[in-house]
Amino acid sequence: MELFTKLGYKGELANKIISTIDTHVVRPEVDDIGDLQVVIFVGHRIDEAGRAVHRFPHDREPQARNLIREALLKAKNGWRRLRF
């Protein structure tokens, strides 16, 4: 969200989302988070039935889930091996 703000793309909305999330998330009180890695998923949700133009058909959900699972398993072995 901070990236959207820095890019000037829907910054006001991004700041509202950040503020809302910040009220519900407890941040760790440490200065050094070490090797902490964060994975963020973005994309289209599964198409609703009857959608005229398909973006993410329901029958592709298992394939997407498996690809995400494989990428995360690779990440467990080292972030440098993770490729998209």
N, C-alpha and C. Protein backbone atom coordinates (compact mmCIF):
# COMPACT_ATOMS: atom_id res chain seq x y z
N MET A 1 0.81 -1.17 0.00
CA MET A 1 0.00 0.00 0.00
C MET A 1 0.87 1.26 0.00
N GLU A 2 1.94 1.19 0.76
CA GLU A 2 2.84 2.34 0.79
C GLU A 2 3.43 2.61 -0.60
N LEU A 3 3.63 1.56 -1.37
CA LEU A 3 4.14 1.73 -2.72
C LEU A 3 3.16 2.52 -3.57
N PHE A 4 1.87 2.22 -3.45
CA PHE A 4 0.87 2.98 -4.19
C PHE A 4 0.93 4.46 -3.83
N THR A 5 1.07 4.73 -2.53
CA THR A 5 1.16 6.11 -2.08
C THR A 5 2.38 6.80 -2.67
N LYS A 6 3.53 6.11 -2.62
CA LYS A 6 4.76 6.70 -3.16
C LYS A 6 4.69 6.92 -4.66
N LEU A 7 3.96 6.06 -5.36
CA LEU A 7 3.81 6.20 -6.81
C LEU A 7 2.74 7.22 -7.19
N GLY A 8 2.00 7.68 -6.20
CA GLY A 8 0.95 8.65 -6.48
C GLY A 8 -0.29 8.02 -7.10
N TYR A 9 -0.45 6.71 -6.90
CA TYR A 9 -1.59 6.01 -7.48
C TYR A 9 -2.58 5.69 -6.36
N LYS A 10 -3.70 6.38 -6.38
CA LYS A 10 -4.73 6.18 -5.36
C LYS A 10 -4.16 6.26 -3.95
N GLY A 11 -3.30 7.24 -3.75
CA GLY A 11 -2.63 7.41 -2.47
C GLY A 11 -3.57 7.61 -1.31
N GLU A 12 -4.63 8.37 -1.51
CA GLU A 12 -5.58 8.63 -0.42
C GLU A 12 -6.25 7.32 0.01
N LEU A 13 -6.66 6.52 -0.96
CA LEU A 13 -7.27 5.23 -0.64
C LEU A 13 -6.26 4.32 0.05
N ALA A 14 -5.04 4.28 -0.47
CA ALA A 14 -3.99 3.44 0.14
C ALA A 14 -3.76 3.84 1.59
N ASN A 15 -3.71 5.13 1.87
CA ASN A 15 -3.50 5.60 3.25
C ASN A 15 -4.65 5.20 4.16
N LYS A 16 -5.88 5.24 3.64
CA LYS A 16 -7.04 4.80 4.44
C LYS A 16 -6.93 3.32 4.76
N ILE A 17 -6.51 2.53 3.78
CA ILE A 17 -6.35 1.09 4.01
C ILE A 17 -5.26 0.83 5.04
N ILE A 18 -4.14 1.54 4.90
CA ILE A 18 -3.04 1.38 5.86
C ILE A 18 -3.51 1.72 7.26
N SER A 19 -4.22 2.81 7.41
CA SER A 19 -4.72 3.22 8.74
C SER A 19 -5.67 2.18 9.32
N THR A 20 -6.54 1.63 8.48
CA THR A 20 -7.48 0.62 8.94
C THR A 20 -6.75 -0.63 9.39
N ILE A 21 -5.81 -1.08 8.59
CA ILE A 21 -5.05 -2.29 8.95
C ILE A 21 -4.24 -2.05 10.22
N ASP A 22 -3.63 -0.88 10.34
CA ASP A 22 -2.81 -0.59 11.51
C ASP A 22 -3.59 -0.66 12.81
N THR A 23 -4.89 -0.41 12.77
CA THR A 23 -5.68 -0.48 14.00
C THR A 23 -5.95 -1.93 14.42
N HIS A 24 -5.74 -2.88 13.49
CA HIS A 24 -6.03 -4.29 13.78
C HIS A 24 -4.79 -5.17 13.89
N VAL A 25 -3.63 -4.63 13.60
CA VAL A 25 -2.41 -5.43 13.58
C VAL A 25 -1.47 -4.95 14.67
N VAL A 26 -0.97 -5.91 15.43
CA VAL A 26 0.02 -5.60 16.45
C VAL A 26 1.39 -5.79 15.82
N ARG A 27 2.15 -4.73 15.78
CA ARG A 27 3.49 -4.81 15.20
C ARG A 27 4.49 -5.23 16.27
N PRO A 28 5.43 -6.09 15.90
CA PRO A 28 6.44 -6.50 16.89
C PRO A 28 7.30 -5.32 17.32
N GLU A 29 7.66 -5.30 18.57
CA GLU A 29 8.48 -4.22 19.10
C GLU A 29 9.95 -4.61 19.06
N VAL A 30 10.46 -4.77 17.85
CA VAL A 30 11.87 -5.09 17.66
C VAL A 30 12.42 -4.20 16.55
N ASP A 31 13.69 -3.89 16.66
CA ASP A 31 14.32 -3.07 15.63
C ASP A 31 14.86 -3.91 14.48
N ASP A 32 15.26 -5.13 14.79
CA ASP A 32 15.86 -5.99 13.79
C ASP A 32 14.95 -7.18 13.56
N ILE A 33 14.37 -7.25 12.36
CA ILE A 33 13.47 -8.37 12.08
C ILE A 33 14.20 -9.51 11.37
N GLY A 34 15.51 -9.38 11.23
CA GLY A 34 16.31 -10.47 10.69
C GLY A 34 15.94 -10.83 9.27
N ASP A 35 15.71 -12.10 9.06
CA ASP A 35 15.43 -12.61 7.72
C ASP A 35 13.94 -12.70 7.41
N LEU A 36 13.14 -11.92 8.08
CA LEU A 36 11.71 -11.95 7.85
C LEU A 36 11.39 -11.62 6.40
N GLN A 37 10.57 -12.43 5.79
CA GLN A 37 10.12 -12.21 4.41
C GLN A 37 8.60 -12.16 4.42
N VAL A 38 8.05 -11.32 3.57
CA VAL A 38 6.61 -11.17 3.49
C VAL A 38 6.19 -11.52 2.07
N VAL A 39 5.13 -12.30 1.95
CA VAL A 39 4.59 -12.66 0.65
C VAL A 39 3.22 -12.01 0.53
N ILE A 40 3.02 -11.29 -0.55
CA ILE A 40 1.74 -10.62 -0.79
C ILE A 40 1.16 -11.18 -2.08
N PHE A 41 -0.08 -11.59 -2.03
CA PHE A 41 -0.76 -12.10 -3.20
C PHE A 41 -1.70 -11.03 -3.75
N VAL A 42 -1.61 -10.81 -5.03
CA VAL A 42 -2.53 -9.89 -5.69
C VAL A 42 -3.01 -10.53 -6.97
N GLY A 43 -4.14 -10.11 -7.43
CA GLY A 43 -4.65 -10.64 -8.69
C GLY A 43 -6.16 -10.64 -8.70
N HIS A 44 -6.69 -11.30 -9.67
CA HIS A 44 -8.15 -11.37 -9.82
C HIS A 44 -8.73 -12.44 -8.92
N ARG A 45 -9.91 -12.18 -8.43
CA ARG A 45 -10.60 -13.23 -7.70
C ARG A 45 -11.25 -14.17 -8.73
N ILE A 46 -11.71 -15.29 -8.28
CA ILE A 46 -12.34 -16.26 -9.17
C ILE A 46 -13.60 -15.63 -9.76
N ASP A 47 -13.78 -15.83 -11.06
CA ASP A 47 -14.94 -15.27 -11.75
C ASP A 47 -16.25 -15.75 -11.14
N GLU A 48 -17.20 -14.84 -11.08
CA GLU A 48 -18.55 -15.22 -10.66
C GLU A 48 -19.21 -15.96 -11.81
N ALA A 49 -20.14 -16.83 -11.47
CA ALA A 49 -20.86 -17.59 -12.50
C ALA A 49 -21.55 -16.63 -13.46
N GLY A 50 -21.42 -16.91 -14.75
CA GLY A 50 -22.09 -16.10 -15.76
C GLY A 50 -21.31 -14.88 -16.22
N ARG A 51 -20.10 -14.71 -15.72
CA ARG A 51 -19.29 -13.56 -16.15
C ARG A 51 -19.03 -13.66 -17.65
N ALA A 52 -19.29 -12.58 -18.38
CA ALA A 52 -19.17 -12.58 -19.84
C ALA A 52 -17.73 -12.73 -20.30
N VAL A 53 -16.82 -11.99 -19.70
CA VAL A 53 -15.41 -12.05 -20.07
C VAL A 53 -14.65 -12.73 -18.92
N HIS A 54 -14.03 -13.84 -19.23
CA HIS A 54 -13.32 -14.60 -18.20
C HIS A 54 -11.94 -14.01 -17.93
N ARG A 55 -11.63 -13.85 -16.63
CA ARG A 55 -10.30 -13.44 -16.20
C ARG A 55 -9.66 -14.55 -15.40
N PHE A 56 -10.44 -15.15 -14.51
CA PHE A 56 -9.94 -16.24 -13.67
C PHE A 56 -11.07 -17.27 -13.54
N PRO A 57 -11.19 -18.14 -14.55
CA PRO A 57 -12.25 -19.15 -14.53
C PRO A 57 -12.12 -20.09 -13.33
N HIS A 58 -13.24 -20.51 -12.81
CA HIS A 58 -13.28 -21.37 -11.62
C HIS A 58 -12.45 -22.64 -11.79
N ASP A 59 -12.43 -23.20 -13.00
CA ASP A 59 -11.71 -24.45 -13.20
C ASP A 59 -10.19 -24.29 -13.16
N ARG A 60 -9.70 -23.06 -13.10
CA ARG A 60 -8.25 -22.83 -13.01
C ARG A 60 -7.77 -22.66 -11.57
N GLU A 61 -8.70 -22.65 -10.61
CA GLU A 61 -8.32 -22.47 -9.21
C GLU A 61 -7.34 -23.54 -8.73
N PRO A 62 -7.56 -24.83 -9.00
CA PRO A 62 -6.60 -25.83 -8.53
C PRO A 62 -5.19 -25.61 -9.09
N GLN A 63 -5.10 -25.25 -10.35
CA GLN A 63 -3.79 -24.99 -10.96
C GLN A 63 -3.11 -23.81 -10.28
N ALA A 64 -3.86 -22.74 -10.05
CA ALA A 64 -3.29 -21.56 -9.38
C ALA A 64 -2.84 -21.92 -7.97
N ARG A 65 -3.66 -22.66 -7.25
CA ARG A 65 -3.31 -23.06 -5.89
C ARG A 65 -2.02 -23.88 -5.88
N ASN A 66 -1.90 -24.82 -6.80
CA ASN A 66 -0.69 -25.66 -6.86
C ASN A 66 0.55 -24.84 -7.22
N LEU A 67 0.43 -23.91 -8.14
CA LEU A 67 1.57 -23.07 -8.51
C LEU A 67 2.02 -22.20 -7.34
N ILE A 68 1.05 -21.65 -6.61
CA ILE A 68 1.38 -20.84 -5.43
C ILE A 68 2.05 -21.71 -4.37
N ARG A 69 1.50 -22.89 -4.14
CA ARG A 69 2.08 -23.81 -3.14
C ARG A 69 3.52 -24.16 -3.52
N GLU A 70 3.76 -24.48 -4.79
CA GLU A 70 5.11 -24.83 -5.24
C GLU A 70 6.08 -23.66 -5.03
N ALA A 71 5.64 -22.45 -5.35
CA ALA A 71 6.51 -21.28 -5.18
C ALA A 71 6.83 -21.05 -3.71
N LEU A 72 5.86 -21.24 -2.83
CA LEU A 72 6.11 -21.04 -1.41
C LEU A 72 7.01 -22.12 -0.84
N LEU A 73 6.87 -23.34 -1.33
CA LEU A 73 7.77 -24.40 -0.87
C LEU A 73 9.20 -24.12 -1.30
N LYS A 74 9.38 -23.60 -2.49
CA LYS A 74 10.72 -23.21 -2.93
C LYS A 74 11.25 -22.09 -2.04
N ALA A 75 10.39 -21.20 -1.64
CA ALA A 75 10.80 -20.08 -0.79
C ALA A 75 11.32 -20.57 0.55
N LYS A 76 10.75 -21.64 1.06
CA LYS A 76 11.22 -22.19 2.33
C LYS A 76 12.69 -22.57 2.26
N ASN A 77 13.16 -22.93 1.07
CA ASN A 77 14.54 -23.35 0.89
C ASN A 77 15.47 -22.20 0.56
N GLY A 78 14.97 -21.02 0.54
CA GLY A 78 15.80 -19.85 0.27
C GLY A 78 15.12 -18.93 -0.73
N TRP A 79 14.97 -17.69 -0.34
CA TRP A 79 14.24 -16.72 -1.16
C TRP A 79 14.89 -16.49 -2.51
N ARG A 80 16.17 -16.71 -2.61
CA ARG A 80 16.85 -16.47 -3.88
C ARG A 80 16.42 -17.46 -4.95
N ARG A 81 15.87 -18.59 -4.54
CA ARG A 81 15.41 -19.59 -5.50
C ARG A 81 14.01 -19.30 -5.99
N LEU A 82 13.31 -18.40 -5.35
CA LEU A 82 11.94 -18.08 -5.71
C LEU A 82 11.92 -17.22 -6.96
N ARG A 83 11.29 -17.69 -8.00
CA ARG A 83 11.24 -16.95 -9.27
C ARG A 83 9.82 -16.89 -9.79
N PHE A 84 9.47 -15.75 -10.32
CA PHE A 84 8.15 -15.59 -10.95
C PHE A 84 8.32 -15.04 -12.32
